[in-house]
Every structure is written in structure tokens, then in C-alpha cells.
Amino acid sequence: MKKSTTSATETADTPASERIDARIADLGDWRGETLSAMRTLIKEAEPNVVEEWKWMGTPVWSSSGIICTGESYKSVVKLTFLKGASLQDPTKLFNSSLDGNARRAIDIHEGEHVDAEAFKALVREAVALNESNAKAKAKPKRAKP
């Protein structure tokens, strides 16, 4: 996986969105274009999405919890949905990490395109799942009689 190095202008205080911008620019090829396009779709699906920079250089998109991560490898851009196994995927976007108990991923190779509307529906479903889990955790537990 290509990780961008910290530049002289990038510090721990550099906003995640700027770090993601830098990652896209550093890639400078189809992977940067793909990551940028998927980032745009995530923001269209969830306008209040929070961009984060975790695990020593991984773009992360969150809303009431992590929606997905965006990693770039030599031959693939991988979008991993942490709770992907709990999501409906009627158009079969998930094509990687299919055997896991929780995660599911979408691997995008050079020249491939993802159905934009199906992807945005998946993002919205991930957000709804995060929100329902957050509400369930927030409910006070009743004492047993």
C-alpha cells in the first residue's frame, strides 16, 4: 500500500480532509481519481460525513461510527465497510472480504466503475445502521424485577 509521507507542511494538526487531499494528489494516477470519485459519492450520500485519518495513514469516513475506509494498493482501491456483513447488497458491490463476520469490501481495479447510486445507497444504509446502534446503546437499561 502506498502511504504518503508526512510533508514539512503536514503535522498532527493537519485536518484529515487535507491529508486525504494530499493522498489523492500523491497517488497521481487512476487510484487517486478513483479514491476522489468514491469520496465524492460518500459526501453526496451523507453530507454530514466526518473525514478522519487513522491507523498511520488511512482515510476514514464516519457518521455515528465508521462507515468505511479507503485504502490504495498497487492494483486496487479498496473501500472497506466495517459493518458490511450487516448491510444489504442487492447489486453485489461487495467483492472482497466476503468470508468475514463483520467487514465487507469493494475492490476497484483500474478501468472499473462502481454503480454510483447503488454505492450511495450502501453508504446511507451503513449510516442508518450506525445511527440505530448508537440509539440502542444510548437507551437506559431497565432493571430486572
N, C-alpha and C. Protein backbone atom coordinates (compact mmCIF):
# COMPACT_ATOMS: atom_id res chain seq x y z
N MET A 1 0.86 -1.16 0.00
CA MET A 1 0.00 0.00 0.00
C MET A 1 0.90 1.22 0.00
N LYS A 2 0.55 2.18 -0.81
CA LYS A 2 1.33 3.41 -0.86
C LYS A 2 0.80 4.36 0.20
N LYS A 3 1.65 4.71 1.12
CA LYS A 3 1.31 5.68 2.15
C LYS A 3 2.08 6.95 1.85
N SER A 4 1.40 8.07 1.93
CA SER A 4 2.13 9.32 1.71
C SER A 4 2.97 9.61 2.94
N THR A 5 4.11 10.20 2.71
CA THR A 5 4.96 10.58 3.82
C THR A 5 4.50 11.94 4.32
N THR A 6 4.79 12.20 5.56
CA THR A 6 4.42 13.48 6.13
C THR A 6 5.32 14.56 5.56
N SER A 7 4.71 15.54 4.92
CA SER A 7 5.50 16.62 4.34
C SER A 7 5.82 17.65 5.42
N ALA A 8 6.67 18.59 5.06
CA ALA A 8 7.07 19.63 6.01
C ALA A 8 5.88 20.46 6.46
N THR A 9 4.85 20.56 5.61
CA THR A 9 3.68 21.37 5.95
C THR A 9 2.60 20.55 6.64
N GLU A 10 2.75 19.23 6.68
CA GLU A 10 1.75 18.37 7.29
C GLU A 10 2.19 17.99 8.69
N THR A 11 1.32 18.26 9.66
CA THR A 11 1.62 17.93 11.05
C THR A 11 0.46 17.13 11.61
N ALA A 12 0.58 16.75 12.86
CA ALA A 12 -0.51 16.03 13.52
C ALA A 12 -1.77 16.87 13.57
N ASP A 13 -1.62 18.18 13.46
CA ASP A 13 -2.77 19.08 13.50
C ASP A 13 -3.40 19.31 12.12
N THR A 14 -2.80 18.76 11.07
CA THR A 14 -3.34 18.93 9.72
C THR A 14 -4.70 18.23 9.66
N PRO A 15 -5.75 18.94 9.22
CA PRO A 15 -7.07 18.32 9.14
C PRO A 15 -7.07 17.09 8.24
N ALA A 16 -7.90 16.12 8.61
CA ALA A 16 -7.99 14.88 7.85
C ALA A 16 -8.33 15.13 6.39
N SER A 17 -9.21 16.09 6.13
CA SER A 17 -9.60 16.37 4.74
C SER A 17 -8.39 16.79 3.91
N GLU A 18 -7.49 17.55 4.51
CA GLU A 18 -6.27 17.97 3.80
C GLU A 18 -5.33 16.78 3.59
N ARG A 19 -5.28 15.89 4.55
CA ARG A 19 -4.45 14.70 4.41
C ARG A 19 -4.99 13.79 3.30
N ILE A 20 -6.30 13.70 3.23
CA ILE A 20 -6.91 12.89 2.17
C ILE A 20 -6.66 13.54 0.82
N ASP A 21 -6.78 14.87 0.75
CA ASP A 21 -6.44 15.58 -0.48
C ASP A 21 -5.01 15.25 -0.91
N ALA A 22 -4.09 15.28 0.06
CA ALA A 22 -2.68 15.01 -0.23
C ALA A 22 -2.49 13.57 -0.71
N ARG A 23 -3.19 12.62 -0.09
CA ARG A 23 -3.09 11.21 -0.51
C ARG A 23 -3.52 11.08 -1.96
N ILE A 24 -4.65 11.70 -2.30
CA ILE A 24 -5.16 11.63 -3.67
C ILE A 24 -4.14 12.22 -4.64
N ALA A 25 -3.59 13.36 -4.28
CA ALA A 25 -2.58 14.01 -5.15
C ALA A 25 -1.32 13.16 -5.25
N ASP A 26 -0.88 12.56 -4.13
CA ASP A 26 0.31 11.73 -4.13
C ASP A 26 0.16 10.51 -5.04
N LEU A 27 -1.03 9.95 -5.08
CA LEU A 27 -1.26 8.78 -5.93
C LEU A 27 -1.07 9.16 -7.39
N GLY A 28 -1.65 10.28 -7.79
CA GLY A 28 -1.42 10.85 -9.10
C GLY A 28 -1.77 9.98 -10.30
N ASP A 29 -2.55 8.95 -10.12
CA ASP A 29 -2.93 8.10 -11.25
C ASP A 29 -4.39 7.68 -11.09
N TRP A 30 -4.77 6.61 -11.72
CA TRP A 30 -6.16 6.16 -11.68
C TRP A 30 -6.63 5.89 -10.25
N ARG A 31 -5.70 5.51 -9.36
CA ARG A 31 -6.09 5.24 -7.97
C ARG A 31 -6.53 6.52 -7.27
N GLY A 32 -5.81 7.61 -7.52
CA GLY A 32 -6.21 8.90 -6.94
C GLY A 32 -7.55 9.35 -7.49
N GLU A 33 -7.73 9.20 -8.79
CA GLU A 33 -9.01 9.57 -9.42
C GLU A 33 -10.15 8.74 -8.84
N THR A 34 -9.90 7.45 -8.66
CA THR A 34 -10.93 6.55 -8.12
C THR A 34 -11.25 6.90 -6.68
N LEU A 35 -10.23 7.08 -5.86
CA LEU A 35 -10.45 7.44 -4.46
C LEU A 35 -11.20 8.76 -4.36
N SER A 36 -10.85 9.72 -5.20
CA SER A 36 -11.53 11.01 -5.21
C SER A 36 -13.00 10.86 -5.60
N ALA A 37 -13.26 10.05 -6.61
CA ALA A 37 -14.65 9.84 -7.07
C ALA A 37 -15.48 9.16 -5.98
N MET A 38 -14.90 8.19 -5.29
CA MET A 38 -15.65 7.49 -4.24
C MET A 38 -15.87 8.41 -3.04
N ARG A 39 -14.90 9.24 -2.75
CA ARG A 39 -15.04 10.24 -1.68
C ARG A 39 -16.21 11.17 -1.99
N THR A 40 -16.31 11.61 -3.23
CA THR A 40 -17.41 12.48 -3.65
C THR A 40 -18.75 11.78 -3.46
N LEU A 41 -18.84 10.50 -3.84
CA LEU A 41 -20.09 9.76 -3.67
C LEU A 41 -20.45 9.61 -2.19
N ILE A 42 -19.45 9.38 -1.35
CA ILE A 42 -19.72 9.27 0.09
C ILE A 42 -20.30 10.57 0.61
N LYS A 43 -19.72 11.69 0.20
CA LYS A 43 -20.21 13.00 0.66
C LYS A 43 -21.59 13.31 0.09
N GLU A 44 -21.89 12.85 -1.10
CA GLU A 44 -23.23 13.05 -1.66
C GLU A 44 -24.25 12.22 -0.89
N ALA A 45 -23.88 11.01 -0.52
CA ALA A 45 -24.80 10.12 0.21
C ALA A 45 -25.02 10.59 1.64
N GLU A 46 -23.97 11.12 2.26
CA GLU A 46 -24.04 11.57 3.66
C GLU A 46 -23.33 12.92 3.77
N PRO A 47 -24.08 14.02 3.53
CA PRO A 47 -23.46 15.35 3.54
C PRO A 47 -22.78 15.71 4.86
N ASN A 48 -23.18 15.10 5.96
CA ASN A 48 -22.58 15.41 7.27
C ASN A 48 -21.46 14.45 7.64
N VAL A 49 -20.94 13.73 6.68
CA VAL A 49 -19.88 12.75 6.95
C VAL A 49 -18.66 13.45 7.55
N VAL A 50 -18.00 12.74 8.45
CA VAL A 50 -16.77 13.23 9.07
C VAL A 50 -15.62 12.47 8.44
N GLU A 51 -14.63 13.23 7.95
CA GLU A 51 -13.44 12.60 7.41
C GLU A 51 -12.40 12.51 8.51
N GLU A 52 -11.78 11.34 8.59
CA GLU A 52 -10.76 11.09 9.61
C GLU A 52 -9.53 10.49 8.96
N TRP A 53 -8.43 10.54 9.68
CA TRP A 53 -7.15 10.00 9.23
C TRP A 53 -6.67 9.09 10.34
N LYS A 54 -6.74 7.78 10.14
CA LYS A 54 -6.44 6.84 11.22
C LYS A 54 -5.39 5.83 10.79
N TRP A 55 -4.93 5.10 11.76
CA TRP A 55 -4.06 3.96 11.53
C TRP A 55 -2.87 4.31 10.64
N MET A 56 -2.19 5.37 10.97
CA MET A 56 -0.97 5.81 10.29
C MET A 56 -1.18 6.02 8.79
N GLY A 57 -2.32 6.57 8.43
CA GLY A 57 -2.49 6.98 7.04
C GLY A 57 -3.63 6.37 6.27
N THR A 58 -4.73 6.10 6.93
CA THR A 58 -5.88 5.54 6.23
C THR A 58 -7.03 6.54 6.27
N PRO A 59 -7.53 6.94 5.09
CA PRO A 59 -8.73 7.78 5.08
C PRO A 59 -9.93 6.99 5.62
N VAL A 60 -10.70 7.64 6.48
CA VAL A 60 -11.86 7.02 7.11
C VAL A 60 -13.02 7.99 7.02
N TRP A 61 -14.21 7.48 6.70
CA TRP A 61 -15.41 8.30 6.67
C TRP A 61 -16.36 7.76 7.72
N SER A 62 -16.87 8.69 8.57
CA SER A 62 -17.71 8.30 9.70
C SER A 62 -18.97 9.13 9.79
N SER A 63 -19.98 8.53 10.37
CA SER A 63 -21.22 9.20 10.75
C SER A 63 -21.88 8.30 11.79
N SER A 64 -21.86 8.71 13.02
CA SER A 64 -22.32 7.90 14.15
C SER A 64 -21.54 6.60 14.25
N GLY A 65 -20.34 6.59 13.76
CA GLY A 65 -19.48 5.41 13.72
C GLY A 65 -18.84 5.34 12.33
N ILE A 66 -17.89 4.45 12.19
CA ILE A 66 -17.18 4.34 10.91
C ILE A 66 -18.11 3.77 9.84
N ILE A 67 -18.13 4.45 8.70
CA ILE A 67 -18.85 3.94 7.53
C ILE A 67 -17.90 3.03 6.76
N CYS A 68 -16.79 3.61 6.30
CA CYS A 68 -15.82 2.82 5.55
C CYS A 68 -14.45 3.48 5.56
N THR A 69 -13.47 2.69 5.17
CA THR A 69 -12.11 3.18 4.99
C THR A 69 -11.79 3.15 3.50
N GLY A 70 -10.80 3.93 3.10
CA GLY A 70 -10.39 3.94 1.70
C GLY A 70 -8.89 3.75 1.60
N GLU A 71 -8.49 2.59 1.11
CA GLU A 71 -7.07 2.30 1.01
C GLU A 71 -6.68 2.13 -0.45
N SER A 72 -5.44 2.45 -0.75
CA SER A 72 -4.95 2.31 -2.12
C SER A 72 -3.76 1.37 -2.12
N TYR A 73 -3.83 0.39 -2.99
CA TYR A 73 -2.76 -0.56 -3.18
C TYR A 73 -2.26 -0.42 -4.62
N LYS A 74 -1.27 -1.18 -4.99
CA LYS A 74 -0.68 -1.06 -6.32
C LYS A 74 -1.72 -1.30 -7.42
N SER A 75 -2.58 -2.28 -7.23
CA SER A 75 -3.51 -2.63 -8.30
C SER A 75 -4.98 -2.48 -7.94
N VAL A 76 -5.27 -1.86 -6.79
CA VAL A 76 -6.66 -1.77 -6.37
C VAL A 76 -6.86 -0.62 -5.39
N VAL A 77 -8.05 -0.03 -5.46
CA VAL A 77 -8.53 0.87 -4.41
C VAL A 77 -9.57 0.06 -3.65
N LYS A 78 -9.41 -0.03 -2.34
CA LYS A 78 -10.27 -0.86 -1.50
C LYS A 78 -11.06 0.01 -0.56
N LEU A 79 -12.37 -0.14 -0.60
CA LEU A 79 -13.27 0.54 0.33
C LEU A 79 -13.84 -0.54 1.25
N THR A 80 -13.45 -0.48 2.51
CA THR A 80 -13.87 -1.49 3.47
C THR A 80 -14.93 -0.92 4.39
N PHE A 81 -16.08 -1.58 4.41
CA PHE A 81 -17.19 -1.22 5.29
C PHE A 81 -17.07 -2.09 6.53
N LEU A 82 -16.85 -1.46 7.68
CA LEU A 82 -16.60 -2.22 8.90
C LEU A 82 -17.77 -3.10 9.32
N LYS A 83 -18.98 -2.69 9.01
CA LYS A 83 -20.17 -3.49 9.34
C LYS A 83 -20.85 -3.98 8.07
N GLY A 84 -20.06 -4.20 7.04
CA GLY A 84 -20.59 -4.58 5.73
C GLY A 84 -21.40 -5.86 5.72
N ALA A 85 -21.06 -6.82 6.57
CA ALA A 85 -21.79 -8.09 6.61
C ALA A 85 -23.23 -7.88 7.08
N SER A 86 -23.50 -6.77 7.74
CA SER A 86 -24.86 -6.48 8.22
C SER A 86 -25.66 -5.65 7.24
N LEU A 87 -25.07 -5.31 6.10
CA LEU A 87 -25.75 -4.46 5.12
C LEU A 87 -26.33 -5.30 3.97
N GLN A 88 -27.44 -4.83 3.45
CA GLN A 88 -28.00 -5.44 2.25
C GLN A 88 -27.14 -5.00 1.07
N ASP A 89 -26.91 -5.87 0.15
CA ASP A 89 -26.10 -5.54 -1.02
C ASP A 89 -26.74 -6.17 -2.26
N PRO A 90 -27.93 -5.70 -2.61
CA PRO A 90 -28.66 -6.35 -3.71
C PRO A 90 -27.96 -6.28 -5.06
N THR A 91 -27.11 -5.29 -5.26
CA THR A 91 -26.42 -5.17 -6.55
C THR A 91 -25.04 -5.82 -6.52
N LYS A 92 -24.70 -6.46 -5.40
CA LYS A 92 -23.44 -7.19 -5.26
C LYS A 92 -22.20 -6.32 -5.49
N LEU A 93 -22.18 -5.15 -4.83
CA LEU A 93 -20.99 -4.29 -4.90
C LEU A 93 -19.83 -4.91 -4.13
N PHE A 94 -20.13 -5.55 -3.01
CA PHE A 94 -19.07 -6.16 -2.22
C PHE A 94 -18.46 -7.31 -3.01
N ASN A 95 -17.15 -7.26 -3.18
CA ASN A 95 -16.47 -8.30 -3.94
C ASN A 95 -15.18 -8.77 -3.25
N SER A 96 -15.00 -8.37 -1.99
CA SER A 96 -13.79 -8.72 -1.26
C SER A 96 -14.13 -8.84 0.23
N SER A 97 -13.33 -9.60 0.96
CA SER A 97 -13.55 -9.83 2.39
C SER A 97 -14.94 -10.40 2.65
N LEU A 98 -15.37 -11.29 1.79
CA LEU A 98 -16.73 -11.82 1.87
C LEU A 98 -16.90 -12.89 2.94
N ASP A 99 -15.81 -13.43 3.44
CA ASP A 99 -15.90 -14.51 4.43
C ASP A 99 -15.87 -14.02 5.87
N GLY A 100 -15.63 -12.72 6.07
CA GLY A 100 -15.54 -12.18 7.42
C GLY A 100 -16.88 -12.12 8.12
N ASN A 101 -16.83 -12.03 9.43
CA ASN A 101 -18.05 -11.94 10.22
C ASN A 101 -18.64 -10.54 10.23
N ALA A 102 -17.82 -9.52 9.98
CA ALA A 102 -18.31 -8.14 10.09
C ALA A 102 -18.02 -7.33 8.83
N ARG A 103 -16.78 -7.34 8.38
CA ARG A 103 -16.37 -6.47 7.28
C ARG A 103 -16.78 -7.03 5.91
N ARG A 104 -16.93 -6.10 4.98
CA ARG A 104 -17.07 -6.41 3.56
C ARG A 104 -16.36 -5.28 2.82
N ALA A 105 -15.81 -5.58 1.67
CA ALA A 105 -15.06 -4.56 0.94
C ALA A 105 -15.44 -4.55 -0.54
N ILE A 106 -15.15 -3.41 -1.14
CA ILE A 106 -15.30 -3.24 -2.58
C ILE A 106 -13.91 -2.96 -3.12
N ASP A 107 -13.41 -3.87 -3.94
CA ASP A 107 -12.12 -3.67 -4.60
C ASP A 107 -12.40 -3.11 -5.99
N ILE A 108 -11.76 -2.00 -6.29
CA ILE A 108 -11.93 -1.35 -7.60
C ILE A 108 -10.58 -1.38 -8.31
N HIS A 109 -10.54 -2.04 -9.45
CA HIS A 109 -9.33 -2.14 -10.25
C HIS A 109 -9.35 -1.07 -11.33
N GLU A 110 -8.20 -0.82 -11.92
CA GLU A 110 -8.07 0.18 -12.97
C GLU A 110 -9.08 -0.12 -14.08
N GLY A 111 -9.80 0.93 -14.49
CA GLY A 111 -10.78 0.81 -15.57
C GLY A 111 -12.17 0.37 -15.11
N GLU A 112 -12.31 -0.05 -13.86
CA GLU A 112 -13.62 -0.46 -13.35
C GLU A 112 -14.36 0.74 -12.80
N HIS A 113 -15.67 0.66 -12.88
CA HIS A 113 -16.52 1.71 -12.34
C HIS A 113 -17.55 1.08 -11.42
N VAL A 114 -17.91 1.80 -10.39
CA VAL A 114 -18.89 1.34 -9.41
C VAL A 114 -20.21 2.04 -9.70
N ASP A 115 -21.30 1.30 -9.60
CA ASP A 115 -22.64 1.88 -9.76
C ASP A 115 -22.83 2.94 -8.68
N ALA A 116 -22.85 4.20 -9.08
CA ALA A 116 -22.88 5.32 -8.14
C ALA A 116 -24.10 5.28 -7.24
N GLU A 117 -25.26 5.05 -7.79
CA GLU A 117 -26.49 5.05 -6.97
C GLU A 117 -26.51 3.88 -6.00
N ALA A 118 -26.05 2.72 -6.43
CA ALA A 118 -26.00 1.56 -5.54
C ALA A 118 -24.99 1.81 -4.41
N PHE A 119 -23.87 2.43 -4.74
CA PHE A 119 -22.86 2.74 -3.72
C PHE A 119 -23.41 3.73 -2.71
N LYS A 120 -24.07 4.78 -3.18
CA LYS A 120 -24.63 5.77 -2.25
C LYS A 120 -25.70 5.13 -1.36
N ALA A 121 -26.48 4.21 -1.91
CA ALA A 121 -27.48 3.51 -1.09
C ALA A 121 -26.79 2.69 0.00
N LEU A 122 -25.67 2.07 -0.34
CA LEU A 122 -24.91 1.29 0.64
C LEU A 122 -24.36 2.19 1.75
N VAL A 123 -23.85 3.36 1.38
CA VAL A 123 -23.35 4.32 2.37
C VAL A 123 -24.49 4.77 3.29
N ARG A 124 -25.64 5.10 2.70
CA ARG A 124 -26.79 5.54 3.52
C ARG A 124 -27.23 4.43 4.46
N GLU A 125 -27.20 3.19 4.00
CA GLU A 125 -27.58 2.07 4.85
C GLU A 125 -26.58 1.89 6.00
N ALA A 126 -25.30 2.08 5.70
CA ALA A 126 -24.27 1.98 6.75
C ALA A 126 -24.48 3.07 7.81
N VAL A 127 -24.82 4.27 7.36
CA VAL A 127 -25.09 5.38 8.29
C VAL A 127 -26.30 5.04 9.15
N ALA A 128 -27.37 4.54 8.53
CA ALA A 128 -28.58 4.18 9.28
C ALA A 128 -28.28 3.10 10.31
N LEU A 129 -27.45 2.12 9.96
CA LEU A 129 -27.08 1.07 10.90
C LEU A 129 -26.28 1.65 12.06
N ASN A 130 -25.34 2.54 11.76
CA ASN A 130 -24.57 3.20 12.83
C ASN A 130 -25.49 3.97 13.76
N GLU A 131 -26.43 4.71 13.18
CA GLU A 131 -27.35 5.51 14.00
C GLU A 131 -28.23 4.62 14.87
N SER A 132 -28.72 3.51 14.32
CA SER A 132 -29.57 2.62 15.12
C SER A 132 -28.77 1.98 16.24
N ASN A 133 -27.52 1.63 15.98
CA ASN A 133 -26.66 1.07 17.03
C ASN A 133 -26.37 2.11 18.11
N ALA A 134 -26.16 3.36 17.70
CA ALA A 134 -25.88 4.43 18.66
C ALA A 134 -27.10 4.68 19.54
N LYS A 135 -28.30 4.64 18.95
CA LYS A 135 -29.53 4.86 19.73
C LYS A 135 -29.75 3.71 20.70
N ALA A 136 -29.47 2.49 20.25
CA ALA A 136 -29.65 1.33 21.13
C ALA A 136 -28.72 1.40 22.33
N LYS A 137 -27.49 1.85 22.11
CA LYS A 137 -26.53 1.98 23.21
C LYS A 137 -26.91 3.10 24.16
N ALA A 138 -27.60 4.11 23.65
CA ALA A 138 -27.96 5.27 24.47
C ALA A 138 -29.18 5.02 25.34
N LYS A 139 -29.99 4.03 25.00
CA LYS A 139 -31.19 3.74 25.79
C LYS A 139 -30.79 3.22 27.17
N PRO A 140 -31.41 3.79 28.21
CA PRO A 140 -31.11 3.27 29.55
C PRO A 140 -31.68 1.86 29.71
N LYS A 141 -30.93 1.02 30.36
CA LYS A 141 -31.39 -0.36 30.58
C LYS A 141 -32.29 -0.38 31.80
N ARG A 142 -33.38 -1.10 31.64
CA ARG A 142 -34.30 -1.23 32.77
C ARG A 142 -33.81 -2.31 33.71
N ALA A 143 -34.00 -2.06 34.98
CA ALA A 143 -33.64 -3.05 35.98
C ALA A 143 -34.62 -4.22 35.91
N LYS A 144 -34.10 -5.41 36.09
CA LYS A 144 -34.98 -6.58 36.08
C LYS A 144 -35.75 -6.62 37.41
N PRO A 145 -37.02 -6.99 37.31
CA PRO A 145 -37.83 -7.05 38.55
C PRO A 145 -37.40 -8.13 39.49
